[in-house]
Amino acid sequence: MTPRILAAPRRWRRHRAAEPTPRGLLVEQPRHGYGSPGFGRAVLDHSIGRPAAEQDRSARYRTGLAQEGSSAVAPYDIKRDLKQLYAPKNTAWSLLDVPEQQFLAVDGSGDPNTAPAYAAAVEALYATAYTLKFAAKQAEGGDFVVGPLEGLWWSEDHAAFTSRDKDAWSWTMLISLPPRVTPEQVDAAKQTAERKKRLPAVSTVRRLTLREGRCAQLVHHGPYDDEAPALAELHDSYLPAHSLRPGGRHHEIYLSDPRRTAPAKLRTVLRQPVEPDA
């Protein structure tokens, strides 16, 4: 049973966990122990992609600037500012260099479809992210669009993925941050969110810097179950053909809300840090 989300910031709509669905499996090189577990549907409506209302506000804001000829700065939007990472077009594997990024992060383990800790982690991420956003709006040029949910997935036991032993999966769930956000701002946002929302999991939110560097990436269109062939191609064909091997944890970015999107139209960025296979 997927836990119901109860507490939510006043400006959010109330959200309910979606019914979980299985995912495809990543067949990873055993020497690294990384893996991509299945990922259920969104725990929160807005946990996969941006809230529709925020997208509309951002679009209206940019349209207004264009019509008025204003020089004001539009809110930072990672999907716009890092299109190659968050709005890729390629459906075949290709290599790119991923710049250093900072995130809000929560670590955990267990079945993401059923573990209460997973639902609590996602809720804590968004509570902190929106607290940061509302505080940033008070400063000129500080506003930003909260990014989509992302995840790093792995297991110490490679067999946990082939056997679908979801309780053995480990994960770090992420929400990207604008480069200008400081550690002090993150700490202040956590304190405010803890005080106002009384969510114990907020204390587990941390600021994480990722330096993924060279990566193989594509955007997958379709059901999560259908990712398996693309991942098998990556590890069985693409990486060996380019004399590469996995160099980090499997990374996924969830661009679509499965509660509002037909399975055939779901979009998920699949990313694998790589290194030379010396």
Protein backbone atom coordinates (compact mmCIF):
# COMPACT_ATOMS: atom_id res chain seq x y z
CA MET A 1 0.00 0.00 0.00
CA THR A 2 1.44 3.34 -0.99
CA PRO A 3 1.24 5.84 1.88
CA ARG A 4 -1.04 8.84 1.64
CA ILE A 5 0.59 12.27 1.84
CA LEU A 6 -1.19 14.39 4.43
CA ALA A 7 0.71 17.57 5.28
CA ALA A 8 1.33 19.99 2.42
CA PRO A 9 2.26 23.69 2.23
CA ARG A 10 -0.75 25.99 2.14
CA ARG A 11 -0.11 27.07 -1.44
CA TRP A 12 0.09 23.50 -2.69
CA ARG A 13 -2.88 21.44 -3.69
CA ARG A 14 -3.44 18.36 -1.55
CA HIS A 15 -1.63 15.40 -3.02
CA ARG A 16 -2.17 11.69 -2.88
CA ALA A 17 0.15 8.85 -3.71
CA ALA A 18 -0.46 7.27 -7.09
CA GLU A 19 -0.86 3.56 -7.64
CA PRO A 20 2.60 2.04 -8.13
CA THR A 21 3.57 0.33 -11.34
CA PRO A 22 6.60 -1.85 -12.07
CA ARG A 23 9.59 -0.68 -14.03
CA GLY A 24 12.18 -2.16 -16.32
CA LEU A 25 15.45 -3.37 -14.85
CA LEU A 26 18.98 -2.22 -15.47
CA VAL A 27 21.46 -5.02 -16.06
CA GLU A 28 24.60 -3.41 -14.68
CA GLN A 29 28.19 -4.54 -14.64
CA PRO A 30 28.58 -6.54 -11.38
CA ARG A 31 32.00 -5.03 -10.67
CA HIS A 32 30.45 -1.68 -9.90
CA GLY A 33 27.34 -2.81 -8.05
CA TYR A 34 25.16 -0.07 -9.53
CA GLY A 35 21.65 -0.68 -10.73
CA SER A 36 18.45 0.99 -11.78
CA PRO A 37 15.46 -0.28 -9.85
CA GLY A 38 11.86 0.00 -10.82
CA PHE A 39 10.19 3.25 -9.93
CA GLY A 40 6.49 3.54 -9.18
CA ARG A 41 4.20 6.33 -10.16
CA ALA A 42 4.52 9.76 -8.55
CA VAL A 43 4.20 9.90 -4.79
CA LEU A 44 3.04 13.51 -5.15
CA ASP A 45 1.24 15.03 -8.11
CA HIS A 46 4.03 17.54 -8.52
CA SER A 47 6.86 15.15 -7.72
CA ILE A 48 7.20 14.22 -11.39
CA GLY A 49 7.75 17.41 -13.39
CA ARG A 50 6.67 20.92 -12.51
CA PRO A 51 3.20 21.75 -11.19
CA ALA A 52 1.01 22.84 -14.10
CA ALA A 53 0.09 26.10 -12.38
CA GLU A 54 3.75 27.04 -12.01
CA GLN A 55 4.43 26.25 -15.65
CA ASP A 56 1.54 28.51 -16.65
CA ARG A 57 2.79 31.35 -14.46
CA SER A 58 6.30 31.05 -15.85
CA ALA A 59 5.01 31.03 -19.44
CA ARG A 60 2.79 34.07 -18.83
CA TYR A 61 5.68 35.90 -17.18
CA ARG A 62 8.00 35.33 -20.14
CA THR A 63 5.24 36.30 -22.60
CA GLY A 64 4.58 39.49 -20.66
CA LEU A 65 8.26 40.42 -20.72
CA ALA A 66 8.43 39.90 -24.46
CA GLN A 67 5.32 42.01 -25.08
CA GLU A 68 6.43 44.81 -22.79
CA GLY A 69 10.08 44.77 -23.83
CA SER A 70 11.07 44.43 -20.19
CA SER A 71 14.64 43.64 -19.19
CA ALA A 72 13.57 41.88 -15.98
CA VAL A 73 15.03 38.45 -15.41
CA ALA A 74 12.68 35.47 -15.79
CA PRO A 75 12.72 32.88 -12.99
CA TYR A 76 15.54 30.37 -13.28
CA ASP A 77 14.18 27.26 -15.01
CA ILE A 78 16.54 24.31 -15.27
CA LYS A 79 14.57 22.80 -18.14
CA ARG A 80 15.19 25.99 -20.10
CA ASP A 81 18.71 26.77 -18.93
CA LEU A 82 20.04 23.21 -19.22
CA LYS A 83 18.00 21.92 -22.13
CA GLN A 84 20.59 19.35 -23.11
CA LEU A 85 20.13 17.70 -19.71
CA TYR A 86 16.44 18.25 -18.98
CA ALA A 87 14.84 18.49 -22.42
CA PRO A 88 16.88 16.12 -24.61
CA LYS A 89 15.52 15.02 -27.97
CA ASN A 90 17.72 12.00 -28.67
CA THR A 91 16.11 8.60 -28.20
CA ALA A 92 19.37 6.78 -28.98
CA TRP A 93 22.35 6.76 -26.63
CA SER A 94 24.77 9.62 -27.04
CA LEU A 95 27.62 11.05 -24.99
CA LEU A 96 27.64 14.45 -23.33
CA ASP A 97 29.48 16.26 -20.58
CA VAL A 98 27.34 17.05 -17.56
CA PRO A 99 28.45 20.11 -15.59
CA GLU A 100 28.67 20.19 -11.83
CA GLN A 101 25.23 20.58 -10.25
CA GLN A 102 23.86 20.98 -6.78
CA PHE A 103 20.74 19.28 -5.46
CA LEU A 104 18.55 18.76 -2.48
CA ALA A 105 18.92 15.08 -1.67
CA VAL A 106 17.49 12.42 0.60
CA ASP A 107 19.01 8.95 0.91
CA GLY A 108 17.11 5.79 1.61
CA SER A 109 16.55 2.17 0.78
CA GLY A 110 13.71 -0.23 0.22
CA ASP A 111 10.84 -0.68 -2.19
CA PRO A 112 9.92 2.82 -3.50
CA ASN A 113 6.39 1.62 -4.24
CA THR A 114 5.60 0.70 -0.64
CA ALA A 115 8.25 2.05 1.77
CA PRO A 116 6.86 4.85 3.99
CA ALA A 117 10.40 6.27 4.12
CA TYR A 118 10.33 6.86 0.38
CA ALA A 119 7.08 8.83 0.47
CA ALA A 120 8.38 10.83 3.43
CA ALA A 121 11.63 11.55 1.59
CA VAL A 122 9.89 12.93 -1.49
CA GLU A 123 7.55 15.06 0.61
CA ALA A 124 10.50 16.45 2.58
CA LEU A 125 12.35 17.30 -0.64
CA TYR A 126 9.45 19.31 -1.98
CA ALA A 127 8.72 21.01 1.34
CA THR A 128 12.32 22.23 1.42
CA ALA A 129 12.42 23.14 -2.28
CA TYR A 130 9.27 25.25 -2.11
CA THR A 131 10.40 26.94 1.09
CA LEU A 132 13.60 27.89 -0.74
CA LYS A 133 11.62 29.11 -3.73
CA PHE A 134 9.29 31.32 -1.68
CA ALA A 135 12.26 32.84 0.17
CA ALA A 136 14.13 33.43 -3.09
CA LYS A 137 11.21 35.35 -4.56
CA GLN A 138 11.87 38.10 -2.05
CA ALA A 139 15.20 38.86 -3.72
CA GLU A 140 15.39 40.45 -7.16
CA GLY A 141 16.29 37.82 -9.74
CA GLY A 142 16.15 35.10 -7.10
CA ASP A 143 12.99 33.26 -8.12
CA PHE A 144 13.25 29.82 -9.69
CA VAL A 145 11.05 27.04 -10.99
CA VAL A 146 11.21 23.91 -8.84
CA GLY A 147 12.68 21.14 -10.96
CA PRO A 148 11.43 17.61 -11.58
CA LEU A 149 12.09 14.69 -9.31
CA GLU A 150 15.31 12.78 -10.04
CA GLY A 151 16.81 9.62 -8.63
CA LEU A 152 20.10 7.77 -8.27
CA TRP A 153 19.66 4.02 -7.93
CA TRP A 154 22.00 1.20 -6.91
CA SER A 155 22.40 -1.98 -4.89
CA GLU A 156 25.35 -3.69 -3.29
CA ASP A 157 23.89 -6.99 -4.44
CA HIS A 158 23.57 -7.05 -8.21
CA ALA A 159 21.19 -10.00 -7.99
CA ALA A 160 18.66 -7.79 -6.20
CA PHE A 161 17.74 -6.28 -9.56
CA THR A 162 17.47 -9.44 -11.59
CA SER A 163 15.37 -11.01 -8.83
CA ARG A 164 13.35 -7.79 -8.31
CA ASP A 165 14.16 -7.82 -4.60
CA LYS A 166 13.00 -4.24 -4.16
CA ASP A 167 13.66 -4.24 -0.43
CA ALA A 168 17.38 -4.43 -1.27
CA TRP A 169 17.38 -1.33 -3.48
CA SER A 170 19.10 1.87 -2.38
CA TRP A 171 18.22 5.31 -3.68
CA THR A 172 19.01 8.99 -3.43
CA MET A 173 16.11 11.16 -4.52
CA LEU A 174 16.99 14.59 -5.84
CA ILE A 175 15.65 18.01 -6.80
CA SER A 176 18.03 20.32 -8.63
CA LEU A 177 18.95 23.73 -7.26
CA PRO A 178 19.98 26.94 -9.04
CA PRO A 179 23.74 27.52 -8.82
CA ARG A 180 23.22 30.67 -6.74
CA VAL A 181 21.57 28.87 -3.82
CA THR A 182 23.99 28.75 -0.89
CA PRO A 183 24.40 26.13 1.86
CA GLU A 184 23.21 28.74 4.35
CA GLN A 185 19.98 29.23 2.38
CA VAL A 186 19.39 25.49 2.32
CA ASP A 187 19.89 25.26 6.09
CA ALA A 188 17.51 28.18 6.65
CA ALA A 189 14.88 26.61 4.39
CA LYS A 190 15.13 23.33 6.28
CA GLN A 191 14.67 25.08 9.60
CA THR A 192 11.63 26.95 8.30
CA ALA A 193 10.09 23.84 6.75
CA GLU A 194 10.66 21.83 9.93
CA ARG A 195 9.08 24.56 12.04
CA LYS A 196 6.06 25.16 9.81
CA LYS A 197 5.34 21.73 8.41
CA ARG A 198 6.62 19.49 11.24
CA LEU A 199 7.87 16.86 8.83
CA PRO A 200 10.54 14.75 10.57
CA ALA A 201 12.09 13.71 7.24
CA VAL A 202 13.08 17.32 6.51
CA SER A 203 16.00 16.83 8.88
CA THR A 204 17.38 14.19 6.47
CA VAL A 205 17.47 16.56 3.49
CA ARG A 206 21.01 17.48 2.52
CA ARG A 207 22.72 19.56 -0.11
CA LEU A 208 24.55 17.37 -2.60
CA THR A 209 27.00 18.34 -5.33
CA LEU A 210 27.21 15.95 -8.27
CA ARG A 211 30.12 15.92 -10.70
CA GLU A 212 28.96 13.32 -13.20
CA GLY A 213 31.15 14.50 -16.08
CA ARG A 214 31.06 12.29 -19.17
CA CYS A 215 27.74 10.46 -19.45
CA ALA A 216 25.69 8.40 -21.84
CA GLN A 217 22.13 9.71 -22.02
CA LEU A 218 18.85 9.38 -23.87
CA VAL A 219 15.21 10.24 -23.34
CA HIS A 220 12.92 7.24 -23.09
CA HIS A 221 9.39 7.62 -24.45
CA GLY A 222 6.87 5.14 -23.16
CA PRO A 223 6.05 2.98 -20.15
CA TYR A 224 8.66 2.42 -17.48
CA ASP A 225 8.50 -1.30 -18.17
CA ASP A 226 9.80 -0.65 -21.67
CA GLU A 227 13.12 0.85 -20.53
CA ALA A 228 14.79 -2.54 -20.23
CA PRO A 229 15.80 -2.90 -23.93
CA ALA A 230 17.45 0.54 -23.95
CA LEU A 231 19.38 -0.25 -20.77
CA ALA A 232 20.44 -3.65 -22.10
CA GLU A 233 21.67 -1.98 -25.29
CA LEU A 234 23.68 0.50 -23.24
CA HIS A 235 25.54 -2.13 -21.25
CA ASP A 236 25.74 -4.89 -23.82
CA SER A 237 26.52 -2.87 -26.94
CA TYR A 238 26.97 0.88 -26.64
CA LEU A 239 29.49 1.06 -23.82
CA PRO A 240 31.70 -1.81 -25.09
CA ALA A 241 31.67 -0.31 -28.59
CA HIS A 242 33.00 2.96 -27.17
CA SER A 243 35.50 1.30 -24.78
CA LEU A 244 33.57 2.61 -21.79
CA ARG A 245 32.20 1.21 -18.56
CA PRO A 246 29.84 2.60 -15.89
CA GLY A 247 31.52 5.23 -13.77
CA GLY A 248 28.76 6.21 -11.37
CA ARG A 249 25.25 5.51 -10.20
CA HIS A 250 22.40 5.21 -12.66
CA HIS A 251 20.50 8.52 -12.85
CA GLU A 252 16.90 9.04 -13.95
CA ILE A 253 14.91 12.26 -14.41
CA TYR A 254 11.13 11.96 -14.41
CA LEU A 255 9.71 14.53 -16.83
CA SER A 256 6.10 13.33 -16.99
CA ASP A 257 3.31 12.92 -14.47
CA PRO A 258 2.03 9.36 -14.96
CA ARG A 259 -1.32 10.32 -13.42
CA ARG A 260 -1.97 12.75 -16.26
CA THR A 261 0.05 11.20 -19.07
CA ALA A 262 -0.76 8.14 -21.15
CA PRO A 263 1.88 5.43 -20.64
CA ALA A 264 2.98 5.67 -24.28
CA LYS A 265 3.77 9.38 -23.80
CA LEU A 266 5.77 9.20 -20.57
CA ARG A 267 9.23 10.77 -20.85
CA THR A 268 12.15 9.73 -18.66
CA VAL A 269 15.76 10.82 -19.04
CA LEU A 270 18.12 7.88 -18.55
CA ARG A 271 21.69 8.81 -17.74
CA GLN A 272 24.78 6.74 -16.96
CA PRO A 273 28.08 8.30 -15.93
CA VAL A 274 30.91 6.54 -17.77
CA GLU A 275 34.66 6.15 -17.67
CA PRO A 276 37.28 4.57 -19.95
CA ASP A 277 37.36 0.80 -19.78
CA ALA A 278 41.10 0.59 -19.29
